[in-house]
Amino acid sequence: MRVRILGIGMGPRQVTPEVAEALAGCDYVLAADHGADSGRLTLRRAVVDAYAPTVPIIAIPDPERDRSPGLTAAGYATAVADWHAERAARYAAVLRERGGTAAFLVWGDPALYDSTIRIVEQVKALGVHLDFDVLPGISAPQLLAARHRIVLHEVGAPVHITTGRRLAETVAAGQRNIVAMLNPAEVDLSGLDDWTIWWGANLGAAGERLVTGRVADVAGEIGAARAAARAEAGWVMDVFLVRRS
């Protein structure tokens, strides 16, 4: 049994020839079904239709995850661990039944803020005998930089990548050039009024939105653009770079 973890960027136009060839050689694709939030599954179908139209997609209902806004860091870690464990159990059941070569289509790149690799390792730990490989995709920070025509870091300087939940502590730690991903509905930008932000939502997909400027000047515009992107697509994923001048 073989599993192929394939980075697909944000859809068919960003699939590399290497990933397209790998997908065409698979027996089926495993994909999480988020129910009413089906936009991500629809985009995965578009990738399969473009490069491997005869390969079926096995949609598996995604388990619920505790998304309470007041979760502590420990509570968040526990909620994610429980979610991953249940996902692994559901995927393991299908892999045991079907065998063959399965693919997971991963948004962006599998190495950056995605847990498919970890979940497949958990599937193996459940006793499913499989080999897996990983092919890279275009990541959200790459797309953000390209859309805004910027470099993510200043000359010879670092860029710090974190989640929106951890932005405040990252700023407090002294970082001054920060990419934030996996953002909650409202990211706290307090104290960053004079920083510059380069923000994007649903990059590479229909309804893409971009905003840049001084944080204090464009915070309201970002909120409105995020809401518009969700209303148009039925889902929203945003990423941004903030830099202290």
C-alpha atoms as a PDB file:
ATOM      1  CA  MET A   1       0.000   0.000   0.000  1.00  0.00           C
ATOM      2  CA  ARG A   2       1.254   3.460  -0.882  1.00  0.00           C
ATOM      3  CA  VAL A   3       0.201   6.987   0.070  1.00  0.00           C
ATOM      4  CA  ARG A   4       1.246  10.058  -1.901  1.00  0.00           C
ATOM      5  CA  ILE A   5       1.026  13.420  -0.125  1.00  0.00           C
ATOM      6  CA  LEU A   6       0.796  16.013  -2.876  1.00  0.00           C
ATOM      7  CA  GLY A   7       1.058  19.780  -2.500  1.00  0.00           C
ATOM      8  CA  ILE A   8      -1.399  21.506  -4.842  1.00  0.00           C
ATOM      9  CA  GLY A   9      -0.974  25.187  -4.032  1.00  0.00           C
ATOM     10  CA  MET A  10      -4.409  26.749  -4.360  1.00  0.00           C
ATOM     11  CA  GLY A  11      -5.803  24.790  -7.291  1.00  0.00           C
ATOM     12  CA  PRO A  12      -5.280  23.452 -10.809  1.00  0.00           C
ATOM     13  CA  ARG A  13      -3.188  26.331 -12.139  1.00  0.00           C
ATOM     14  CA  GLN A  14      -0.574  25.833  -9.424  1.00  0.00           C
ATOM     15  CA  VAL A  15      -0.131  22.068  -9.682  1.00  0.00           C
ATOM     16  CA  THR A  16       3.408  21.174 -10.759  1.00  0.00           C
ATOM     17  CA  PRO A  17       4.022  18.620 -13.531  1.00  0.00           C
ATOM     18  CA  GLU A  18       5.587  16.328 -10.913  1.00  0.00           C
ATOM     19  CA  VAL A  19       2.428  16.392  -8.775  1.00  0.00           C
ATOM     20  CA  ALA A  20       0.147  15.997 -11.812  1.00  0.00           C
ATOM     21  CA  GLU A  21       2.045  12.885 -12.906  1.00  0.00           C
ATOM     22  CA  ALA A  22       1.902  11.401  -9.399  1.00  0.00           C
ATOM     23  CA  LEU A  23      -1.831  12.070  -9.101  1.00  0.00           C
ATOM     24  CA  ALA A  24      -2.559  10.374 -12.412  1.00  0.00           C
ATOM     25  CA  GLY A  25      -0.871   7.230 -11.122  1.00  0.00           C
ATOM     26  CA  CYS A  26      -3.027   6.943  -8.004  1.00  0.00           C
ATOM     27  CA  ASP A  27      -6.014   4.651  -7.539  1.00  0.00           C
ATOM     28  CA  TYR A  28      -8.048   7.160  -5.524  1.00  0.00           C
ATOM     29  CA  VAL A  29      -7.875  10.404  -3.541  1.00  0.00           C
ATOM     30  CA  LEU A  30      -8.795  10.684   0.134  1.00  0.00           C
ATOM     31  CA  ALA A  31     -10.325  14.045   1.051  1.00  0.00           C
ATOM     32  CA  ALA A  32     -11.976  15.524   4.113  1.00  0.00           C
ATOM     33  CA  ASP A  33     -15.606  16.509   3.645  1.00  0.00           C
ATOM     34  CA  HIS A  34     -16.389  19.589   5.735  1.00  0.00           C
ATOM     35  CA  GLY A  35     -20.115  19.460   5.064  1.00  0.00           C
ATOM     36  CA  ALA A  36     -21.583  22.913   4.512  1.00  0.00           C
ATOM     37  CA  ASP A  37     -18.063  24.327   4.056  1.00  0.00           C
ATOM     38  CA  SER A  38     -17.507  22.349   0.858  1.00  0.00           C
ATOM     39  CA  GLY A  39     -15.411  24.868  -1.086  1.00  0.00           C
ATOM     40  CA  ARG A  40     -12.137  23.102  -0.353  1.00  0.00           C
ATOM     41  CA  LEU A  41     -13.541  19.772  -1.528  1.00  0.00           C
ATOM     42  CA  THR A  42     -14.814  21.439  -4.704  1.00  0.00           C
ATOM     43  CA  LEU A  43     -11.343  22.805  -5.460  1.00  0.00           C
ATOM     44  CA  ARG A  44      -9.814  19.380  -4.891  1.00  0.00           C
ATOM     45  CA  ARG A  45     -12.311  17.957  -7.400  1.00  0.00           C
ATOM     46  CA  ALA A  46     -11.189  20.626  -9.861  1.00  0.00           C
ATOM     47  CA  VAL A  47      -7.574  19.469  -9.484  1.00  0.00           C
ATOM     48  CA  VAL A  48      -8.538  15.830 -10.041  1.00  0.00           C
ATOM     49  CA  ASP A  49     -10.735  16.722 -13.024  1.00  0.00           C
ATOM     50  CA  ALA A  50      -7.852  18.652 -14.587  1.00  0.00           C
ATOM     51  CA  TYR A  51      -5.126  16.033 -14.223  1.00  0.00           C
ATOM     52  CA  ALA A  52      -6.653  12.633 -13.391  1.00  0.00           C
ATOM     53  CA  PRO A  53     -10.359  12.629 -14.292  1.00  0.00           C
ATOM     54  CA  THR A  54     -10.710   8.854 -13.917  1.00  0.00           C
ATOM     55  CA  VAL A  55      -9.349   8.833 -10.347  1.00  0.00           C
ATOM     56  CA  PRO A  56     -12.227   8.779  -7.820  1.00  0.00           C
ATOM     57  CA  ILE A  57     -12.357  10.988  -4.739  1.00  0.00           C
ATOM     58  CA  ILE A  58     -13.325   9.251  -1.496  1.00  0.00           C
ATOM     59  CA  ALA A  59     -14.831  12.009   0.655  1.00  0.00           C
ATOM     60  CA  ILE A  60     -14.647  11.269   4.373  1.00  0.00           C
ATOM     61  CA  PRO A  61     -16.727  13.337   6.840  1.00  0.00           C
ATOM     62  CA  ASP A  62     -14.299  15.429   8.833  1.00  0.00           C
ATOM     63  CA  PRO A  63     -14.581  15.064  12.630  1.00  0.00           C
ATOM     64  CA  GLU A  64     -15.643  18.053  14.685  1.00  0.00           C
ATOM     65  CA  ARG A  65     -12.918  20.079  16.356  1.00  0.00           C
ATOM     66  CA  ASP A  66     -13.237  22.288  19.413  1.00  0.00           C
ATOM     67  CA  ARG A  67     -12.870  25.803  17.980  1.00  0.00           C
ATOM     68  CA  SER A  68     -13.894  27.752  21.087  1.00  0.00           C
ATOM     69  CA  PRO A  69     -12.367  31.241  20.860  1.00  0.00           C
ATOM     70  CA  GLY A  70     -11.345  31.160  24.522  1.00  0.00           C
ATOM     71  CA  LEU A  71      -9.166  28.052  24.285  1.00  0.00           C
ATOM     72  CA  THR A  72      -5.853  28.255  26.111  1.00  0.00           C
ATOM     73  CA  ALA A  73      -2.685  27.192  24.307  1.00  0.00           C
ATOM     74  CA  ALA A  74      -2.882  23.816  26.064  1.00  0.00           C
ATOM     75  CA  GLY A  75      -6.583  23.486  25.225  1.00  0.00           C
ATOM     76  CA  TYR A  76      -5.917  24.269  21.581  1.00  0.00           C
ATOM     77  CA  ALA A  77      -3.137  21.676  21.415  1.00  0.00           C
ATOM     78  CA  THR A  78      -5.434  19.052  22.965  1.00  0.00           C
ATOM     79  CA  ALA A  79      -8.286  19.892  20.583  1.00  0.00           C
ATOM     80  CA  VAL A  80      -6.012  19.554  17.556  1.00  0.00           C
ATOM     81  CA  ALA A  81      -4.498  16.285  18.834  1.00  0.00           C
ATOM     82  CA  ASP A  82      -7.973  14.774  19.323  1.00  0.00           C
ATOM     83  CA  TRP A  83      -9.035  15.962  15.868  1.00  0.00           C
ATOM     84  CA  HIS A  84      -5.966  14.447  14.221  1.00  0.00           C
ATOM     85  CA  ALA A  85      -6.423  11.146  16.044  1.00  0.00           C
ATOM     86  CA  GLU A  86     -10.005  10.810  14.824  1.00  0.00           C
ATOM     87  CA  ARG A  87      -8.992  11.766  11.287  1.00  0.00           C
ATOM     88  CA  ALA A  88      -6.263   9.118  11.355  1.00  0.00           C
ATOM     89  CA  ALA A  89      -8.739   6.468  12.505  1.00  0.00           C
ATOM     90  CA  ARG A  90     -11.172   7.317   9.681  1.00  0.00           C
ATOM     91  CA  TYR A  91      -8.467   7.335   7.028  1.00  0.00           C
ATOM     92  CA  ALA A  92      -7.012   4.081   8.354  1.00  0.00           C
ATOM     93  CA  ALA A  93     -10.380   2.344   7.977  1.00  0.00           C
ATOM     94  CA  VAL A  94     -10.640   3.349   4.302  1.00  0.00           C
ATOM     95  CA  LEU A  95      -7.022   2.452   3.521  1.00  0.00           C
ATOM     96  CA  ARG A  96      -7.435  -0.992   5.086  1.00  0.00           C
ATOM     97  CA  GLU A  97     -10.535  -1.584   2.995  1.00  0.00           C
ATOM     98  CA  ARG A  98      -9.305  -0.267  -0.360  1.00  0.00           C
ATOM     99  CA  GLY A  99      -5.525  -0.751  -0.341  1.00  0.00           C
ATOM    100  CA  GLY A 100      -3.723   0.332  -3.520  1.00  0.00           C
ATOM    101  CA  THR A 101      -2.218   3.782  -3.969  1.00  0.00           C
ATOM    102  CA  ALA A 102      -4.005   6.695  -2.325  1.00  0.00           C
ATOM    103  CA  ALA A 103      -3.343  10.436  -2.601  1.00  0.00           C
ATOM    104  CA  PHE A 104      -3.916  13.310  -0.209  1.00  0.00           C
ATOM    105  CA  LEU A 105      -4.142  16.702  -1.930  1.00  0.00           C
ATOM    106  CA  VAL A 106      -2.699  19.297   0.418  1.00  0.00           C
ATOM    107  CA  TRP A 107      -3.367  23.027   0.161  1.00  0.00           C
ATOM    108  CA  GLY A 108      -0.175  24.977  -0.313  1.00  0.00           C
ATOM    109  CA  ASP A 109       2.803  22.886   0.709  1.00  0.00           C
ATOM    110  CA  PRO A 110       2.682  19.796   2.970  1.00  0.00           C
ATOM    111  CA  ALA A 111       5.699  21.017   4.961  1.00  0.00           C
ATOM    112  CA  LEU A 112       4.207  24.315   6.148  1.00  0.00           C
ATOM    113  CA  TYR A 113       1.312  24.448   8.634  1.00  0.00           C
ATOM    114  CA  ASP A 114      -0.303  21.260   7.424  1.00  0.00           C
ATOM    115  CA  SER A 115      -0.590  18.039   9.406  1.00  0.00           C
ATOM    116  CA  THR A 116      -1.218  15.450   6.690  1.00  0.00           C
ATOM    117  CA  ILE A 117       2.274  13.999   7.151  1.00  0.00           C
ATOM    118  CA  ARG A 118       1.697  13.687  10.908  1.00  0.00           C
ATOM    119  CA  ILE A 119      -1.711  12.084  10.355  1.00  0.00           C
ATOM    120  CA  VAL A 120      -0.325   9.536   7.893  1.00  0.00           C
ATOM    121  CA  GLU A 121       2.331   8.679  10.475  1.00  0.00           C
ATOM    122  CA  GLN A 122      -0.516   8.099  12.949  1.00  0.00           C
ATOM    123  CA  VAL A 123      -2.242   5.863  10.408  1.00  0.00           C
ATOM    124  CA  LYS A 124       0.926   3.772  10.256  1.00  0.00           C
ATOM    125  CA  ALA A 125       1.003   3.639  14.051  1.00  0.00           C
ATOM    126  CA  LEU A 126      -2.513   2.161  13.959  1.00  0.00           C
ATOM    127  CA  GLY A 127      -1.076  -0.834  12.156  1.00  0.00           C
ATOM    128  CA  VAL A 128      -1.717   0.097   8.529  1.00  0.00           C
ATOM    129  CA  HIS A 129       1.312  -1.086   6.563  1.00  0.00           C
ATOM    130  CA  LEU A 130       2.107   1.583   3.984  1.00  0.00           C
ATOM    131  CA  ASP A 131       4.888   3.607   2.435  1.00  0.00           C
ATOM    132  CA  PHE A 132       4.426   7.299   1.687  1.00  0.00           C
ATOM    133  CA  ASP A 133       6.182  10.094  -0.115  1.00  0.00           C
ATOM    134  CA  VAL A 134       5.723  13.856  -0.217  1.00  0.00           C
ATOM    135  CA  LEU A 135       5.799  16.202  -3.203  1.00  0.00           C
ATOM    136  CA  PRO A 136       5.985  19.966  -2.601  1.00  0.00           C
ATOM    137  CA  GLY A 137       3.501  22.632  -3.619  1.00  0.00           C
ATOM    138  CA  ILE A 138       3.321  26.439  -3.783  1.00  0.00           C
ATOM    139  CA  SER A 139       2.866  27.801  -0.263  1.00  0.00           C
ATOM    140  CA  ALA A 140       0.697  30.676   0.951  1.00  0.00           C
ATOM    141  CA  PRO A 141       3.689  32.901   1.855  1.00  0.00           C
ATOM    142  CA  GLN A 142       5.075  32.405  -1.662  1.00  0.00           C
ATOM    143  CA  LEU A 143       1.763  33.470  -3.187  1.00  0.00           C
ATOM    144  CA  LEU A 144       1.454  36.435  -0.833  1.00  0.00           C
ATOM    145  CA  ALA A 145       4.889  37.729  -1.813  1.00  0.00           C
ATOM    146  CA  ALA A 146       4.229  37.216  -5.518  1.00  0.00           C
ATOM    147  CA  ARG A 147       0.841  38.944  -5.489  1.00  0.00           C
ATOM    148  CA  HIS A 148       2.199  41.972  -3.632  1.00  0.00           C
ATOM    149  CA  ARG A 149       5.484  41.933  -5.624  1.00  0.00           C
ATOM    150  CA  ILE A 150       7.616  41.970  -2.480  1.00  0.00           C
ATOM    151  CA  VAL A 151      10.391  39.993  -0.825  1.00  0.00           C
ATOM    152  CA  LEU A 152       9.301  38.449   2.472  1.00  0.00           C
ATOM    153  CA  HIS A 153      12.439  39.618   4.294  1.00  0.00           C
ATOM    154  CA  GLU A 154      14.740  42.596   4.236  1.00  0.00           C
ATOM    155  CA  VAL A 155      18.340  42.229   3.003  1.00  0.00           C
ATOM    156  CA  GLY A 156      20.150  39.650   5.127  1.00  0.00           C
ATOM    157  CA  ALA A 157      17.321  39.648   7.671  1.00  0.00           C
ATOM    158  CA  PRO A 158      15.004  36.855   8.862  1.00  0.00           C
ATOM    159  CA  VAL A 159      11.297  36.318   8.423  1.00  0.00           C
ATOM    160  CA  HIS A 160       9.331  34.712  11.248  1.00  0.00           C
ATOM    161  CA  ILE A 161       6.361  32.510  10.285  1.00  0.00           C
ATOM    162  CA  THR A 162       3.690  31.838  12.905  1.00  0.00           C
ATOM    163  CA  THR A 163      -0.077  31.601  13.361  1.00  0.00           C
ATOM    164  CA  GLY A 164      -2.516  34.431  13.918  1.00  0.00           C
ATOM    165  CA  ARG A 165      -3.206  33.083  17.397  1.00  0.00           C
ATOM    166  CA  ARG A 166       0.429  33.669  18.335  1.00  0.00           C
ATOM    167  CA  LEU A 167       0.972  37.048  16.687  1.00  0.00           C
ATOM    168  CA  ALA A 168       0.874  39.094  19.909  1.00  0.00           C
ATOM    169  CA  GLU A 169       3.431  36.922  21.700  1.00  0.00           C
ATOM    170  CA  THR A 170       5.657  36.957  18.608  1.00  0.00           C
ATOM    171  CA  VAL A 171       5.626  40.758  18.544  1.00  0.00           C
ATOM    172  CA  ALA A 172       6.295  40.839  22.292  1.00  0.00           C
ATOM    173  CA  ALA A 173       9.317  38.572  21.731  1.00  0.00           C
ATOM    174  CA  GLY A 174      10.854  41.242  19.499  1.00  0.00           C
ATOM    175  CA  GLN A 175      10.157  39.928  16.015  1.00  0.00           C
ATOM    176  CA  ARG A 176       9.690  42.762  13.513  1.00  0.00           C
ATOM    177  CA  ASN A 177       9.036  40.903  10.229  1.00  0.00           C
ATOM    178  CA  ILE A 178       6.268  38.338  10.666  1.00  0.00           C
ATOM    179  CA  VAL A 179       4.132  36.160   8.388  1.00  0.00           C
ATOM    180  CA  ALA A 180       0.900  34.996  10.051  1.00  0.00           C
ATOM    181  CA  MET A 181      -1.127  32.033   8.756  1.00  0.00           C
ATOM    182  CA  LEU A 182      -4.093  29.941   9.989  1.00  0.00           C
ATOM    183  CA  ASN A 183      -5.732  33.108  11.216  1.00  0.00           C
ATOM    184  CA  PRO A 184      -8.880  33.273  13.362  1.00  0.00           C
ATOM    185  CA  ALA A 185     -11.825  35.395  12.260  1.00  0.00           C
ATOM    186  CA  GLU A 186     -10.342  38.422  13.995  1.00  0.00           C
ATOM    187  CA  VAL A 187      -6.607  38.849  14.514  1.00  0.00           C
ATOM    188  CA  ASP A 188      -5.549  41.278  17.225  1.00  0.00           C
ATOM    189  CA  LEU A 189      -3.466  43.958  15.495  1.00  0.00           C
ATOM    190  CA  SER A 190      -3.401  46.296  18.473  1.00  0.00           C
ATOM    191  CA  GLY A 191      -0.065  47.997  18.993  1.00  0.00           C
ATOM    192  CA  LEU A 192       0.854  47.621  15.329  1.00  0.00           C
ATOM    193  CA  ASP A 193      -0.700  50.863  14.054  1.00  0.00           C
ATOM    194  CA  ASP A 194       2.509  52.124  12.433  1.00  0.00           C
ATOM    195  CA  TRP A 195       3.577  48.758  11.020  1.00  0.00           C
ATOM    196  CA  THR A 196       3.058  47.941   7.353  1.00  0.00           C
ATOM    197  CA  ILE A 197       0.828  45.004   6.421  1.00  0.00           C
ATOM    198  CA  TRP A 198       0.591  42.999   3.205  1.00  0.00           C
ATOM    199  CA  TRP A 199      -2.583  40.914   3.443  1.00  0.00           C
ATOM    200  CA  GLY A 200      -4.291  38.427   1.131  1.00  0.00           C
ATOM    201  CA  ALA A 201      -7.275  36.080   1.243  1.00  0.00           C
ATOM    202  CA  ASN A 202      -8.112  33.037  -0.909  1.00  0.00           C
ATOM    203  CA  LEU A 203      -4.927  33.635  -2.873  1.00  0.00           C
ATOM    204  CA  GLY A 204      -4.881  31.862  -6.202  1.00  0.00           C
ATOM    205  CA  ALA A 205      -8.595  31.108  -6.099  1.00  0.00           C
ATOM    206  CA  ALA A 206     -11.676  32.910  -7.376  1.00  0.00           C
ATOM    207  CA  GLY A 207     -12.467  35.916  -5.221  1.00  0.00           C
ATOM    208  CA  GLU A 208      -8.861  36.590  -4.240  1.00  0.00           C
ATOM    209  CA  ARG A 209      -8.499  39.760  -2.133  1.00  0.00           C
ATOM    210  CA  LEU A 210      -5.401  41.912  -1.487  1.00  0.00           C
ATOM    211  CA  VAL A 211      -4.838  44.851   0.861  1.00  0.00           C
ATOM    212  CA  THR A 212      -1.642  46.660   1.834  1.00  0.00           C
ATOM    213  CA  GLY A 213      -0.783  49.762   3.805  1.00  0.00           C
ATOM    214  CA  ARG A 214      -0.219  51.127   7.294  1.00  0.00           C
ATOM    215  CA  VAL A 215      -2.074  48.869   9.733  1.00  0.00           C
ATOM    216  CA  ALA A 216      -4.073  51.682  11.334  1.00  0.00           C
ATOM    217  CA  ASP A 217      -5.196  52.907   7.918  1.00  0.00           C
ATOM    218  CA  VAL A 218      -6.280  49.586   6.397  1.00  0.00           C
ATOM    219  CA  ALA A 219      -7.485  47.439   9.323  1.00  0.00           C
ATOM    220  CA  GLY A 220     -11.136  48.186   8.527  1.00  0.00           C
ATOM    221  CA  GLU A 221     -10.589  47.501   4.832  1.00  0.00           C
ATOM    222  CA  ILE A 222      -9.066  44.115   5.662  1.00  0.00           C
ATOM    223  CA  GLY A 223     -12.068  43.174   7.786  1.00  0.00           C
ATOM    224  CA  ALA A 224     -14.462  44.066   4.993  1.00  0.00           C
ATOM    225  CA  ALA A 225     -12.392  42.247   2.351  1.00  0.00           C
ATOM    226  CA  ARG A 226     -12.209  39.119   4.496  1.00  0.00           C
ATOM    227  CA  ALA A 227     -15.976  39.103   4.963  1.00  0.00           C
ATOM    228  CA  ALA A 228     -16.506  39.614   1.224  1.00  0.00           C
ATOM    229  CA  ALA A 229     -14.152  36.743   0.365  1.00  0.00           C
ATOM    230  CA  ARG A 230     -16.046  34.396   2.685  1.00  0.00           C
ATOM    231  CA  ALA A 231     -19.412  35.496   1.327  1.00  0.00           C
ATOM    232  CA  GLU A 232     -18.301  34.939  -2.264  1.00  0.00           C
ATOM    233  CA  ALA A 233     -16.484  31.615  -1.879  1.00  0.00           C
ATOM    234  CA  GLY A 234     -18.207  30.151   1.184  1.00  0.00           C
ATOM    235  CA  TRP A 235     -14.831  29.895   2.960  1.00  0.00           C
ATOM    236  CA  VAL A 236     -11.826  32.078   3.620  1.00  0.00           C
ATOM    237  CA  MET A 237      -8.129  31.461   4.230  1.00  0.00           C
ATOM    238  CA  ASP A 238      -5.961  34.508   4.714  1.00  0.00           C
ATOM    239  CA  VAL A 239      -2.272  35.187   5.256  1.00  0.00           C
ATOM    240  CA  PHE A 240      -0.352  38.384   5.887  1.00  0.00           C
ATOM    241  CA  LEU A 241       3.066  39.877   6.448  1.00  0.00           C
ATOM    242  CA  VAL A 242       3.518  42.649   9.012  1.00  0.00           C
ATOM    243  CA  ARG A 243       6.767  44.616   9.213  1.00  0.00           C
ATOM    244  CA  ARG A 244       7.888  47.322  11.567  1.00  0.00           C
ATOM    245  CA  SER A 245       9.455  50.184   9.646  1.00  0.00           C
END
